[in-house]
Amino acid sequence: MGDKVKVQVYMTDGNIYEYEVDSEEKARDHMDKIIESGYRRKENENTLVWYPPQYILKVKATPFKGGYYNDKVVS
């Protein structure tokens, strides 16, 4: 099995939540679901919080080596 991939979820309130998954494929799947349906997290033993997609600024996975173009900002 390869290295773990860290998924970070950047929220409009300034918080960044992160966790690790086992592969780039899992990270890609998680990122797709987060953007589509929002982000869920356990706040404590008895509370599940679900942030709708409009509260998510971006989702980032690192390290991520495969499958995409290396683009750059041009403006």
C-alpha atoms as a PDB file:
ATOM      1  CA  MET A   1       0.000   0.000   0.000  1.00  0.00           C
ATOM      2  CA  GLY A   2       1.229   3.525  -0.801  1.00  0.00           C
ATOM      3  CA  ASP A   3       1.570   6.584   1.329  1.00  0.00           C
ATOM      4  CA  LYS A   4      -1.381   8.110   3.109  1.00  0.00           C
ATOM      5  CA  VAL A   5      -3.036  11.125   1.476  1.00  0.00           C
ATOM      6  CA  LYS A   6      -4.179  14.053   3.627  1.00  0.00           C
ATOM      7  CA  VAL A   7      -7.563  15.567   2.692  1.00  0.00           C
ATOM      8  CA  GLN A   8      -8.097  19.162   3.864  1.00  0.00           C
ATOM      9  CA  VAL A   9     -11.473  20.915   3.783  1.00  0.00           C
ATOM     10  CA  TYR A  10     -11.318  24.736   3.815  1.00  0.00           C
ATOM     11  CA  MET A  11     -14.463  26.337   5.253  1.00  0.00           C
ATOM     12  CA  THR A  12     -15.904  29.829   4.817  1.00  0.00           C
ATOM     13  CA  ASP A  13     -15.580  30.454   8.582  1.00  0.00           C
ATOM     14  CA  GLY A  14     -11.780  30.070   8.328  1.00  0.00           C
ATOM     15  CA  ASN A  15     -11.558  26.563   9.798  1.00  0.00           C
ATOM     16  CA  ILE A  16      -9.614  23.848   8.006  1.00  0.00           C
ATOM     17  CA  TYR A  17     -10.529  20.241   8.776  1.00  0.00           C
ATOM     18  CA  GLU A  18      -8.206  17.422   7.770  1.00  0.00           C
ATOM     19  CA  TYR A  19      -7.958  13.650   7.832  1.00  0.00           C
ATOM     20  CA  GLU A  20      -5.995  10.917   6.036  1.00  0.00           C
ATOM     21  CA  VAL A  21      -7.075   8.226   3.580  1.00  0.00           C
ATOM     22  CA  ASP A  22      -5.149   5.248   2.187  1.00  0.00           C
ATOM     23  CA  SER A  23      -4.799   6.246  -1.476  1.00  0.00           C
ATOM     24  CA  GLU A  24      -5.125   8.949  -4.120  1.00  0.00           C
ATOM     25  CA  GLU A  25      -8.190   7.143  -5.484  1.00  0.00           C
ATOM     26  CA  LYS A  26      -9.924   7.320  -2.084  1.00  0.00           C
ATOM     27  CA  ALA A  27      -8.931  10.985  -1.727  1.00  0.00           C
ATOM     28  CA  ARG A  28     -10.440  11.770  -5.140  1.00  0.00           C
ATOM     29  CA  ASP A  29     -13.670   9.961  -4.194  1.00  0.00           C
ATOM     30  CA  HIS A  30     -13.887  11.769  -0.847  1.00  0.00           C
ATOM     31  CA  MET A  31     -13.229  15.152  -2.467  1.00  0.00           C
ATOM     32  CA  ASP A  32     -15.974  14.546  -5.041  1.00  0.00           C
ATOM     33  CA  LYS A  33     -18.509  13.606  -2.351  1.00  0.00           C
ATOM     34  CA  ILE A  34     -17.553  16.569  -0.126  1.00  0.00           C
ATOM     35  CA  ILE A  35     -18.035  19.060  -2.962  1.00  0.00           C
ATOM     36  CA  GLU A  36     -21.290  17.381  -4.003  1.00  0.00           C
ATOM     37  CA  SER A  37     -22.999  16.810  -0.659  1.00  0.00           C
ATOM     38  CA  GLY A  38     -21.069  18.799   1.969  1.00  0.00           C
ATOM     39  CA  TYR A  39     -18.733  17.863   4.813  1.00  0.00           C
ATOM     40  CA  ARG A  40     -19.701  15.760   7.837  1.00  0.00           C
ATOM     41  CA  ARG A  41     -17.722  15.495  11.062  1.00  0.00           C
ATOM     42  CA  LYS A  42     -18.144  14.260  14.620  1.00  0.00           C
ATOM     43  CA  GLU A  43     -18.012  17.335  16.855  1.00  0.00           C
ATOM     44  CA  ASN A  44     -18.026  15.194  19.996  1.00  0.00           C
ATOM     45  CA  GLU A  45     -19.239  11.767  21.131  1.00  0.00           C
ATOM     46  CA  ASN A  46     -22.908  12.683  20.650  1.00  0.00           C
ATOM     47  CA  THR A  47     -22.949  15.262  17.855  1.00  0.00           C
ATOM     48  CA  LEU A  48     -22.613  14.909  14.094  1.00  0.00           C
ATOM     49  CA  VAL A  49     -22.248  18.191  12.174  1.00  0.00           C
ATOM     50  CA  TRP A  50     -23.012  18.414   8.447  1.00  0.00           C
ATOM     51  CA  TYR A  51     -21.784  21.486   6.575  1.00  0.00           C
ATOM     52  CA  PRO A  52     -23.619  22.088   3.273  1.00  0.00           C
ATOM     53  CA  PRO A  53     -21.522  22.643   0.112  1.00  0.00           C
ATOM     54  CA  GLN A  54     -21.969  26.430   0.130  1.00  0.00           C
ATOM     55  CA  TYR A  55     -19.797  26.605   3.290  1.00  0.00           C
ATOM     56  CA  ILE A  56     -16.826  24.911   1.587  1.00  0.00           C
ATOM     57  CA  LEU A  57     -14.224  27.090  -0.152  1.00  0.00           C
ATOM     58  CA  LYS A  58     -12.015  24.277  -1.426  1.00  0.00           C
ATOM     59  CA  VAL A  59     -10.886  20.718  -0.811  1.00  0.00           C
ATOM     60  CA  LYS A  60      -7.211  19.800  -1.119  1.00  0.00           C
ATOM     61  CA  ALA A  61      -5.323  16.466  -1.163  1.00  0.00           C
ATOM     62  CA  THR A  62      -1.573  16.116  -0.510  1.00  0.00           C
ATOM     63  CA  PRO A  63       0.633  14.461  -1.560  1.00  0.00           C
ATOM     64  CA  PHE A  64      -1.066  13.825  -4.886  1.00  0.00           C
ATOM     65  CA  LYS A  65       1.129  12.679  -7.755  1.00  0.00           C
ATOM     66  CA  GLY A  66      -1.033  11.220 -10.483  1.00  0.00           C
ATOM     67  CA  GLY A  67      -3.460  11.884 -13.212  1.00  0.00           C
ATOM     68  CA  TYR A  68      -3.890  15.634 -13.638  1.00  0.00           C
ATOM     69  CA  TYR A  69      -2.355  18.479 -15.609  1.00  0.00           C
ATOM     70  CA  ASN A  70       0.084  20.791 -13.866  1.00  0.00           C
ATOM     71  CA  ASP A  71      -1.672  24.083 -14.512  1.00  0.00           C
ATOM     72  CA  LYS A  72      -0.555  27.572 -13.489  1.00  0.00           C
ATOM     73  CA  VAL A  73      -2.189  30.902 -12.702  1.00  0.00           C
ATOM     74  CA  VAL A  74      -1.979  33.210 -15.723  1.00  0.00           C
ATOM     75  CA  SER A  75      -3.859  36.286 -14.518  1.00  0.00           C
END
